[in-house]
Amino acid sequence: MFQRTGKELPGARKFYDHTEGEPVWGQILVYAFYTDDKTSYPLTFLQYEKADNDQNKNETKYELTQEMISELEETVDVLADTYFFDLWFVHDPSLIKHVISYGKDWVGSVRSNW
């Protein structure tokens, strides 16, 4: 048996965890689910990898989300009429415009101080 620490996991590093209030070791996945009256179905996910420096700039979580929406709309032909986002995604106007460009509605919570 080999002890694993998780340090070799692809894309793993310290990310700030808002629930913990401090950086934690882990991975960030941007994912999509389809939900109907009966259950939720996982559709797809992409891994966010934080860039080490400005010259090696990776895609943002918003850009990854736009990629997933494009794939779901253009390739999968997902049946969703509405996309739901958590608090951190709603404040990106380009993401909201991207959803609207497919003729879809969106729902998301916003901070009370906005």
C-alpha atoms as a PDB file:
ATOM      1  CA  MET A   1       0.000   0.000   0.000  1.00  0.00           C
ATOM      2  CA  PHE A   2       1.234   3.499  -0.873  1.00  0.00           C
ATOM      3  CA  GLN A   3       0.299   6.499   1.162  1.00  0.00           C
ATOM      4  CA  ARG A   4      -1.163   9.285  -1.028  1.00  0.00           C
ATOM      5  CA  THR A   5      -1.088  12.939  -0.154  1.00  0.00           C
ATOM      6  CA  GLY A   6      -2.857  14.273  -3.232  1.00  0.00           C
ATOM      7  CA  LYS A   7       0.018  16.566  -4.172  1.00  0.00           C
ATOM      8  CA  GLU A   8       0.307  14.942  -7.622  1.00  0.00           C
ATOM      9  CA  LEU A   9      -3.361  15.379  -8.585  1.00  0.00           C
ATOM     10  CA  PRO A  10      -3.689  17.355 -11.842  1.00  0.00           C
ATOM     11  CA  GLY A  11      -4.509  20.986 -11.173  1.00  0.00           C
ATOM     12  CA  ALA A  12      -4.366  20.573  -7.399  1.00  0.00           C
ATOM     13  CA  ARG A  13      -3.039  23.546  -5.476  1.00  0.00           C
ATOM     14  CA  LYS A  14      -4.036  25.987  -2.766  1.00  0.00           C
ATOM     15  CA  PHE A  15      -7.311  27.752  -3.519  1.00  0.00           C
ATOM     16  CA  TYR A  16      -9.135  30.149  -1.263  1.00  0.00           C
ATOM     17  CA  ASP A  17     -12.171  28.432   0.275  1.00  0.00           C
ATOM     18  CA  HIS A  18     -14.856  30.967   1.194  1.00  0.00           C
ATOM     19  CA  THR A  19     -16.553  28.578   3.611  1.00  0.00           C
ATOM     20  CA  GLU A  20     -13.299  27.864   5.462  1.00  0.00           C
ATOM     21  CA  GLY A  21     -12.066  31.447   5.214  1.00  0.00           C
ATOM     22  CA  GLU A  22      -8.585  30.317   4.205  1.00  0.00           C
ATOM     23  CA  PRO A  23      -6.684  28.581   1.398  1.00  0.00           C
ATOM     24  CA  VAL A  24      -7.130  24.794   1.201  1.00  0.00           C
ATOM     25  CA  TRP A  25      -5.490  22.113  -0.980  1.00  0.00           C
ATOM     26  CA  GLY A  26      -7.794  20.921  -3.717  1.00  0.00           C
ATOM     27  CA  GLN A  27      -9.157  21.108  -7.237  1.00  0.00           C
ATOM     28  CA  ILE A  28     -11.847  23.367  -8.681  1.00  0.00           C
ATOM     29  CA  LEU A  29     -14.392  21.838 -11.020  1.00  0.00           C
ATOM     30  CA  VAL A  30     -16.904  23.857 -13.007  1.00  0.00           C
ATOM     31  CA  TYR A  31     -19.834  21.556 -13.678  1.00  0.00           C
ATOM     32  CA  ALA A  32     -23.310  21.376 -15.172  1.00  0.00           C
ATOM     33  CA  PHE A  33     -26.334  19.334 -14.097  1.00  0.00           C
ATOM     34  CA  TYR A  34     -29.716  18.929 -15.741  1.00  0.00           C
ATOM     35  CA  THR A  35     -32.562  18.738 -13.245  1.00  0.00           C
ATOM     36  CA  ASP A  36     -36.161  17.748 -13.832  1.00  0.00           C
ATOM     37  CA  ASP A  37     -39.054  16.860 -11.528  1.00  0.00           C
ATOM     38  CA  LYS A  38     -37.549  13.472 -10.683  1.00  0.00           C
ATOM     39  CA  THR A  39     -33.795  13.775 -10.347  1.00  0.00           C
ATOM     40  CA  SER A  40     -30.580  15.577 -11.305  1.00  0.00           C
ATOM     41  CA  TYR A  41     -28.307  14.332 -14.070  1.00  0.00           C
ATOM     42  CA  PRO A  42     -24.622  15.277 -14.266  1.00  0.00           C
ATOM     43  CA  LEU A  43     -23.869  16.528 -17.776  1.00  0.00           C
ATOM     44  CA  THR A  44     -20.287  17.712 -17.939  1.00  0.00           C
ATOM     45  CA  PHE A  45     -17.456  19.334 -16.036  1.00  0.00           C
ATOM     46  CA  LEU A  46     -14.206  21.138 -16.749  1.00  0.00           C
ATOM     47  CA  GLN A  47     -11.311  21.599 -14.373  1.00  0.00           C
ATOM     48  CA  TYR A  48     -10.190  25.111 -13.575  1.00  0.00           C
ATOM     49  CA  GLU A  49      -6.443  25.414 -13.295  1.00  0.00           C
ATOM     50  CA  LYS A  50      -5.103  28.613 -11.830  1.00  0.00           C
ATOM     51  CA  ALA A  51      -2.290  30.216 -13.833  1.00  0.00           C
ATOM     52  CA  ASP A  52       1.105  30.408 -12.145  1.00  0.00           C
ATOM     53  CA  ASN A  53       1.919  33.765 -13.715  1.00  0.00           C
ATOM     54  CA  ASP A  54       0.482  36.333 -16.118  1.00  0.00           C
ATOM     55  CA  GLN A  55       2.380  34.944 -19.123  1.00  0.00           C
ATOM     56  CA  ASN A  56       0.759  31.504 -18.713  1.00  0.00           C
ATOM     57  CA  LYS A  57      -2.780  32.793 -18.386  1.00  0.00           C
ATOM     58  CA  ASN A  58      -5.372  30.026 -18.181  1.00  0.00           C
ATOM     59  CA  GLU A  59      -9.061  30.307 -18.898  1.00  0.00           C
ATOM     60  CA  THR A  60     -11.216  31.833 -16.220  1.00  0.00           C
ATOM     61  CA  LYS A  61     -14.065  29.956 -14.554  1.00  0.00           C
ATOM     62  CA  TYR A  62     -16.452  32.177 -16.529  1.00  0.00           C
ATOM     63  CA  GLU A  63     -14.832  31.225 -19.840  1.00  0.00           C
ATOM     64  CA  LEU A  64     -15.007  27.531 -18.909  1.00  0.00           C
ATOM     65  CA  THR A  65     -18.691  27.967 -18.105  1.00  0.00           C
ATOM     66  CA  GLN A  66     -19.302  29.628 -21.475  1.00  0.00           C
ATOM     67  CA  GLU A  67     -17.550  26.694 -23.185  1.00  0.00           C
ATOM     68  CA  MET A  68     -19.805  24.227 -21.376  1.00  0.00           C
ATOM     69  CA  ILE A  69     -22.941  26.166 -22.284  1.00  0.00           C
ATOM     70  CA  SER A  70     -21.875  26.275 -25.945  1.00  0.00           C
ATOM     71  CA  GLU A  71     -21.251  22.528 -25.922  1.00  0.00           C
ATOM     72  CA  LEU A  72     -24.577  21.806 -24.223  1.00  0.00           C
ATOM     73  CA  GLU A  73     -26.504  24.024 -26.631  1.00  0.00           C
ATOM     74  CA  GLU A  74     -24.701  23.252 -29.902  1.00  0.00           C
ATOM     75  CA  THR A  75     -23.625  19.625 -29.496  1.00  0.00           C
ATOM     76  CA  VAL A  76     -25.774  18.000 -26.830  1.00  0.00           C
ATOM     77  CA  ASP A  77     -28.944  20.005 -27.558  1.00  0.00           C
ATOM     78  CA  VAL A  78     -29.758  20.061 -23.845  1.00  0.00           C
ATOM     79  CA  LEU A  79     -33.444  20.446 -23.026  1.00  0.00           C
ATOM     80  CA  ALA A  80     -32.920  23.147 -20.402  1.00  0.00           C
ATOM     81  CA  ASP A  81     -34.892  26.373 -20.722  1.00  0.00           C
ATOM     82  CA  THR A  82     -33.134  28.062 -17.801  1.00  0.00           C
ATOM     83  CA  TYR A  83     -29.586  28.092 -16.453  1.00  0.00           C
ATOM     84  CA  PHE A  84     -29.074  28.515 -12.711  1.00  0.00           C
ATOM     85  CA  PHE A  85     -25.824  30.009 -11.404  1.00  0.00           C
ATOM     86  CA  ASP A  86     -24.447  30.444  -7.948  1.00  0.00           C
ATOM     87  CA  LEU A  87     -23.523  33.831  -6.536  1.00  0.00           C
ATOM     88  CA  TRP A  88     -19.996  34.025  -7.967  1.00  0.00           C
ATOM     89  CA  PHE A  89     -21.047  33.571 -11.607  1.00  0.00           C
ATOM     90  CA  VAL A  90     -23.945  36.020 -11.801  1.00  0.00           C
ATOM     91  CA  HIS A  91     -21.784  39.154 -11.696  1.00  0.00           C
ATOM     92  CA  ASP A  92     -20.061  38.355 -15.025  1.00  0.00           C
ATOM     93  CA  PRO A  93     -22.080  40.194 -17.723  1.00  0.00           C
ATOM     94  CA  SER A  94     -20.440  38.295 -20.614  1.00  0.00           C
ATOM     95  CA  LEU A  95     -21.600  34.976 -19.148  1.00  0.00           C
ATOM     96  CA  ILE A  96     -25.172  36.230 -18.782  1.00  0.00           C
ATOM     97  CA  LYS A  97     -25.107  37.610 -22.368  1.00  0.00           C
ATOM     98  CA  HIS A  98     -23.834  34.235 -23.567  1.00  0.00           C
ATOM     99  CA  VAL A  99     -26.814  32.434 -22.004  1.00  0.00           C
ATOM    100  CA  ILE A 100     -29.246  34.982 -23.445  1.00  0.00           C
ATOM    101  CA  SER A 101     -27.666  34.563 -26.906  1.00  0.00           C
ATOM    102  CA  TYR A 102     -29.111  31.030 -26.960  1.00  0.00           C
ATOM    103  CA  GLY A 103     -32.581  32.331 -26.101  1.00  0.00           C
ATOM    104  CA  LYS A 104     -32.372  30.844 -22.606  1.00  0.00           C
ATOM    105  CA  ASP A 105     -33.327  32.318 -19.264  1.00  0.00           C
ATOM    106  CA  TRP A 106     -31.031  32.456 -16.268  1.00  0.00           C
ATOM    107  CA  VAL A 107     -31.469  32.572 -12.508  1.00  0.00           C
ATOM    108  CA  GLY A 108     -28.924  33.459  -9.878  1.00  0.00           C
ATOM    109  CA  SER A 109     -28.679  35.001  -6.466  1.00  0.00           C
ATOM    110  CA  VAL A 110     -26.891  38.285  -5.905  1.00  0.00           C
ATOM    111  CA  ARG A 111     -25.309  39.765  -2.836  1.00  0.00           C
ATOM    112  CA  SER A 112     -27.511  42.015  -0.773  1.00  0.00           C
ATOM    113  CA  ASN A 113     -24.929  44.837  -1.024  1.00  0.00           C
ATOM    114  CA  TRP A 114     -24.963  44.992  -4.865  1.00  0.00           C
END
